[in-house]
Amino acid sequence: MKNMRRQDKQMSSVGVADLLTQAEYGIVSTVGEDGQPYGVPLNYVFKENAIYFHCALVGHKLDNIEKNPQVSFCVVGDVEVLPAEFSTNFESVVVSGVASEVKETERYNALEWLLEKYSPNFMEEGKKYIEKLDKATKVIKIEIQHMSGKMAPAKI
């Protein structure tokens, strides 16, 4: 991976982990067999130094991952546009890694982690929902190879 050009804007590893944990959604980017890039927003959870998301059994991103499991994943946190300064305050993280389907215990753990993140007050109902749609859901894990975060204003 290339080094970040603006080192003064680089987030700490703690800041990167915090943003990955707290962000509401991320965008996974894949590349198709024809070389065409494809990015799609989705719900996810960051646990055990990996990104997990659930999806349908078939689809564009799954076709792309099957052909090329190398993916990019990004999240954006707080953003403040500064019109008079022609600038923006922001925080973001970009991850690169390898995507693959997970099964059995890891799969179920990931689905529960998603419940904890997005529906913490409805865990019992969520577990029943998981059971109901179990056969219609895949869980994908992105094993992180590299991640970096950037923020503005820059650190002083």
C-alpha atoms as a PDB file:
ATOM      1  CA  MET A   1       0.000   0.000   0.000  1.00  0.00           C
ATOM      2  CA  LYS A   2       1.131   3.516  -0.676  1.00  0.00           C
ATOM      3  CA  ASN A   3       1.900   5.771   2.267  1.00  0.00           C
ATOM      4  CA  MET A   4      -0.607   8.488   2.983  1.00  0.00           C
ATOM      5  CA  ARG A   5       0.535  11.692   1.319  1.00  0.00           C
ATOM      6  CA  ARG A   6      -0.784  13.967   4.087  1.00  0.00           C
ATOM      7  CA  GLN A   7       0.675  12.291   7.162  1.00  0.00           C
ATOM      8  CA  ASP A   8      -0.600  15.185   9.278  1.00  0.00           C
ATOM      9  CA  LYS A   9      -4.172  14.001   8.542  1.00  0.00           C
ATOM     10  CA  GLN A  10      -3.561  10.359   9.440  1.00  0.00           C
ATOM     11  CA  MET A  11      -5.795   8.949  12.166  1.00  0.00           C
ATOM     12  CA  SER A  12      -4.379   6.883  15.003  1.00  0.00           C
ATOM     13  CA  SER A  13      -5.038   3.137  15.016  1.00  0.00           C
ATOM     14  CA  VAL A  14      -7.418   3.711  17.949  1.00  0.00           C
ATOM     15  CA  GLY A  15      -9.291   6.359  15.935  1.00  0.00           C
ATOM     16  CA  VAL A  16      -9.529   3.999  12.963  1.00  0.00           C
ATOM     17  CA  ALA A  17     -10.954   1.192  15.127  1.00  0.00           C
ATOM     18  CA  ASP A  18     -13.389   3.597  16.813  1.00  0.00           C
ATOM     19  CA  LEU A  19     -14.724   4.899  13.507  1.00  0.00           C
ATOM     20  CA  LEU A  20     -15.068   1.373  12.075  1.00  0.00           C
ATOM     21  CA  THR A  21     -16.981   0.375  15.203  1.00  0.00           C
ATOM     22  CA  GLN A  22     -19.281   3.398  15.262  1.00  0.00           C
ATOM     23  CA  ALA A  23     -20.051   4.185  11.613  1.00  0.00           C
ATOM     24  CA  GLU A  24     -23.602   3.363  10.563  1.00  0.00           C
ATOM     25  CA  TYR A  25     -22.784   1.942   7.140  1.00  0.00           C
ATOM     26  CA  GLY A  26     -19.890   1.256   4.824  1.00  0.00           C
ATOM     27  CA  ILE A  27     -19.300   0.862   1.120  1.00  0.00           C
ATOM     28  CA  VAL A  28     -17.758  -2.343  -0.177  1.00  0.00           C
ATOM     29  CA  SER A  29     -16.083  -2.087  -3.571  1.00  0.00           C
ATOM     30  CA  THR A  30     -15.414  -5.062  -5.786  1.00  0.00           C
ATOM     31  CA  VAL A  31     -14.191  -5.578  -9.335  1.00  0.00           C
ATOM     32  CA  GLY A  32     -16.106  -7.614 -11.885  1.00  0.00           C
ATOM     33  CA  GLU A  33     -14.726 -10.190 -14.269  1.00  0.00           C
ATOM     34  CA  ASP A  34     -14.807  -7.491 -16.971  1.00  0.00           C
ATOM     35  CA  GLY A  35     -12.720  -5.114 -14.823  1.00  0.00           C
ATOM     36  CA  GLN A  36     -15.701  -2.889 -14.017  1.00  0.00           C
ATOM     37  CA  PRO A  37     -15.627  -1.526 -10.442  1.00  0.00           C
ATOM     38  CA  TYR A  38     -18.754  -1.864  -8.304  1.00  0.00           C
ATOM     39  CA  GLY A  39     -19.395  -0.204  -4.948  1.00  0.00           C
ATOM     40  CA  VAL A  40     -22.434  -0.769  -2.788  1.00  0.00           C
ATOM     41  CA  PRO A  41     -23.403   0.642   0.632  1.00  0.00           C
ATOM     42  CA  LEU A  42     -24.317  -1.850   3.331  1.00  0.00           C
ATOM     43  CA  ASN A  43     -24.712  -2.448   7.049  1.00  0.00           C
ATOM     44  CA  TYR A  44     -21.716  -4.114   8.661  1.00  0.00           C
ATOM     45  CA  VAL A  45     -20.009  -4.843  11.929  1.00  0.00           C
ATOM     46  CA  PHE A  46     -16.313  -4.529  12.814  1.00  0.00           C
ATOM     47  CA  LYS A  47     -15.262  -7.333  15.168  1.00  0.00           C
ATOM     48  CA  GLU A  48     -12.080  -9.292  15.800  1.00  0.00           C
ATOM     49  CA  ASN A  49     -10.190  -7.115  13.314  1.00  0.00           C
ATOM     50  CA  ALA A  50     -12.545  -8.050  10.466  1.00  0.00           C
ATOM     51  CA  ILE A  51     -15.580  -6.599   8.695  1.00  0.00           C
ATOM     52  CA  TYR A  52     -18.733  -8.744   8.540  1.00  0.00           C
ATOM     53  CA  PHE A  53     -21.889  -8.140   6.517  1.00  0.00           C
ATOM     54  CA  HIS A  54     -24.908 -10.178   5.499  1.00  0.00           C
ATOM     55  CA  CYS A  55     -26.514 -10.360   2.097  1.00  0.00           C
ATOM     56  CA  ALA A  56     -28.783 -12.394  -0.158  1.00  0.00           C
ATOM     57  CA  LEU A  57     -27.633 -15.715  -1.565  1.00  0.00           C
ATOM     58  CA  VAL A  58     -26.919 -14.282  -5.025  1.00  0.00           C
ATOM     59  CA  GLY A  59     -26.045 -10.893  -6.444  1.00  0.00           C
ATOM     60  CA  HIS A  60     -23.576  -8.661  -8.213  1.00  0.00           C
ATOM     61  CA  LYS A  61     -21.140  -8.226  -5.298  1.00  0.00           C
ATOM     62  CA  LEU A  62     -21.115 -11.988  -4.637  1.00  0.00           C
ATOM     63  CA  ASP A  63     -20.397 -12.708  -8.312  1.00  0.00           C
ATOM     64  CA  ASN A  64     -17.514 -10.241  -8.180  1.00  0.00           C
ATOM     65  CA  ILE A  65     -16.134 -11.631  -4.894  1.00  0.00           C
ATOM     66  CA  GLU A  66     -16.224 -15.153  -6.318  1.00  0.00           C
ATOM     67  CA  LYS A  67     -14.074 -14.048  -9.268  1.00  0.00           C
ATOM     68  CA  ASN A  68     -11.818 -11.716  -7.269  1.00  0.00           C
ATOM     69  CA  PRO A  69     -12.012 -11.748  -3.450  1.00  0.00           C
ATOM     70  CA  GLN A  70      -9.819  -8.630  -3.070  1.00  0.00           C
ATOM     71  CA  VAL A  71     -12.085  -5.802  -1.909  1.00  0.00           C
ATOM     72  CA  SER A  72     -11.973  -2.280  -0.598  1.00  0.00           C
ATOM     73  CA  PHE A  73     -14.266  -1.068   2.173  1.00  0.00           C
ATOM     74  CA  CYS A  74     -14.728   2.491   3.370  1.00  0.00           C
ATOM     75  CA  VAL A  75     -16.659   4.415   5.986  1.00  0.00           C
ATOM     76  CA  VAL A  76     -17.131   8.134   6.528  1.00  0.00           C
ATOM     77  CA  GLY A  77     -17.836   9.589   9.941  1.00  0.00           C
ATOM     78  CA  ASP A  78     -18.631  13.160  10.882  1.00  0.00           C
ATOM     79  CA  VAL A  79     -18.567  15.616   7.999  1.00  0.00           C
ATOM     80  CA  GLU A  80     -18.797  19.399   8.148  1.00  0.00           C
ATOM     81  CA  VAL A  81     -18.680  21.378   4.916  1.00  0.00           C
ATOM     82  CA  LEU A  82     -16.918  24.730   5.348  1.00  0.00           C
ATOM     83  CA  PRO A  83     -18.144  26.772   2.348  1.00  0.00           C
ATOM     84  CA  ALA A  84     -16.320  29.997   3.198  1.00  0.00           C
ATOM     85  CA  GLU A  85     -13.042  28.086   3.551  1.00  0.00           C
ATOM     86  CA  PHE A  86     -13.551  25.918   0.451  1.00  0.00           C
ATOM     87  CA  SER A  87     -12.857  22.932   2.673  1.00  0.00           C
ATOM     88  CA  THR A  88     -14.425  20.140   4.687  1.00  0.00           C
ATOM     89  CA  ASN A  89     -13.855  18.703   8.144  1.00  0.00           C
ATOM     90  CA  PHE A  90     -14.208  14.920   7.977  1.00  0.00           C
ATOM     91  CA  GLU A  91     -13.085  11.530   9.193  1.00  0.00           C
ATOM     92  CA  SER A  92     -12.849   8.410   7.034  1.00  0.00           C
ATOM     93  CA  VAL A  93     -11.345   4.942   6.984  1.00  0.00           C
ATOM     94  CA  VAL A  94     -10.363   2.813   3.998  1.00  0.00           C
ATOM     95  CA  VAL A  95      -9.789  -0.928   4.377  1.00  0.00           C
ATOM     96  CA  SER A  96      -8.395  -3.418   1.893  1.00  0.00           C
ATOM     97  CA  GLY A  97      -8.769  -7.129   2.381  1.00  0.00           C
ATOM     98  CA  VAL A  98      -9.994 -10.488   1.213  1.00  0.00           C
ATOM     99  CA  ALA A  99     -13.705 -11.329   1.285  1.00  0.00           C
ATOM    100  CA  SER A 100     -15.080 -14.817   1.823  1.00  0.00           C
ATOM    101  CA  GLU A 101     -18.226 -16.485   3.068  1.00  0.00           C
ATOM    102  CA  VAL A 102     -18.241 -17.657   6.685  1.00  0.00           C
ATOM    103  CA  LYS A 103     -20.307 -20.503   8.058  1.00  0.00           C
ATOM    104  CA  GLU A 104     -21.398 -22.212  11.243  1.00  0.00           C
ATOM    105  CA  THR A 105     -20.404 -20.583  14.547  1.00  0.00           C
ATOM    106  CA  GLU A 106     -18.570 -17.620  13.001  1.00  0.00           C
ATOM    107  CA  ARG A 107     -21.580 -16.939  10.764  1.00  0.00           C
ATOM    108  CA  TYR A 108     -24.042 -17.000  13.637  1.00  0.00           C
ATOM    109  CA  ASN A 109     -21.734 -14.843  15.809  1.00  0.00           C
ATOM    110  CA  ALA A 110     -21.544 -12.259  13.014  1.00  0.00           C
ATOM    111  CA  LEU A 111     -25.334 -12.151  12.705  1.00  0.00           C
ATOM    112  CA  GLU A 112     -25.642 -11.622  16.469  1.00  0.00           C
ATOM    113  CA  TRP A 113     -22.987  -8.878  16.333  1.00  0.00           C
ATOM    114  CA  LEU A 114     -25.060  -7.155  13.637  1.00  0.00           C
ATOM    115  CA  LEU A 115     -28.107  -7.389  15.923  1.00  0.00           C
ATOM    116  CA  GLU A 116     -26.122  -5.932  18.821  1.00  0.00           C
ATOM    117  CA  LYS A 117     -25.008  -3.017  16.665  1.00  0.00           C
ATOM    118  CA  TYR A 118     -28.262  -2.176  14.882  1.00  0.00           C
ATOM    119  CA  SER A 119     -31.036  -3.573  17.126  1.00  0.00           C
ATOM    120  CA  PRO A 120     -29.658  -3.888  20.671  1.00  0.00           C
ATOM    121  CA  ASN A 121     -33.092  -3.522  22.273  1.00  0.00           C
ATOM    122  CA  PHE A 122     -34.573  -6.316  20.153  1.00  0.00           C
ATOM    123  CA  MET A 123     -32.120  -9.192  20.590  1.00  0.00           C
ATOM    124  CA  GLU A 124     -34.692 -11.930  21.208  1.00  0.00           C
ATOM    125  CA  GLU A 125     -36.844 -10.833  18.271  1.00  0.00           C
ATOM    126  CA  GLY A 126     -33.694 -10.557  16.165  1.00  0.00           C
ATOM    127  CA  LYS A 127     -32.595 -14.101  16.968  1.00  0.00           C
ATOM    128  CA  LYS A 128     -36.007 -15.361  15.827  1.00  0.00           C
ATOM    129  CA  TYR A 129     -35.648 -13.290  12.652  1.00  0.00           C
ATOM    130  CA  ILE A 130     -32.233 -14.870  12.018  1.00  0.00           C
ATOM    131  CA  GLU A 131     -33.739 -18.352  12.386  1.00  0.00           C
ATOM    132  CA  LYS A 132     -36.639 -17.470  10.072  1.00  0.00           C
ATOM    133  CA  LEU A 133     -34.385 -16.169   7.263  1.00  0.00           C
ATOM    134  CA  ASP A 134     -31.411 -18.431   7.944  1.00  0.00           C
ATOM    135  CA  LYS A 135     -31.488 -20.215   4.580  1.00  0.00           C
ATOM    136  CA  ALA A 136     -31.858 -16.945   2.645  1.00  0.00           C
ATOM    137  CA  THR A 137     -28.785 -15.191   4.058  1.00  0.00           C
ATOM    138  CA  LYS A 138     -25.040 -15.342   3.451  1.00  0.00           C
ATOM    139  CA  VAL A 139     -22.482 -13.778   5.756  1.00  0.00           C
ATOM    140  CA  ILE A 140     -19.300 -12.381   4.261  1.00  0.00           C
ATOM    141  CA  LYS A 141     -16.112 -11.610   6.168  1.00  0.00           C
ATOM    142  CA  ILE A 142     -13.464  -9.190   4.990  1.00  0.00           C
ATOM    143  CA  GLU A 143     -10.127 -10.231   6.435  1.00  0.00           C
ATOM    144  CA  ILE A 144      -8.340  -6.922   6.776  1.00  0.00           C
ATOM    145  CA  GLN A 145      -4.912  -6.698   5.160  1.00  0.00           C
ATOM    146  CA  HIS A 146      -4.506  -2.944   5.475  1.00  0.00           C
ATOM    147  CA  MET A 147      -6.476  -0.062   6.919  1.00  0.00           C
ATOM    148  CA  SER A 148      -5.885   3.636   7.302  1.00  0.00           C
ATOM    149  CA  GLY A 149      -7.856   6.599   8.475  1.00  0.00           C
ATOM    150  CA  LYS A 150      -7.753  10.237   7.537  1.00  0.00           C
ATOM    151  CA  MET A 151      -9.243  13.273   9.200  1.00  0.00           C
ATOM    152  CA  ALA A 152      -9.462  17.011   8.841  1.00  0.00           C
ATOM    153  CA  PRO A 153      -8.695  19.314  10.390  1.00  0.00           C
ATOM    154  CA  ALA A 154      -5.192  17.918  10.369  1.00  0.00           C
ATOM    155  CA  LYS A 155      -3.447  17.121  13.619  1.00  0.00           C
ATOM    156  CA  ILE A 156      -1.169  19.904  14.806  1.00  0.00           C
END
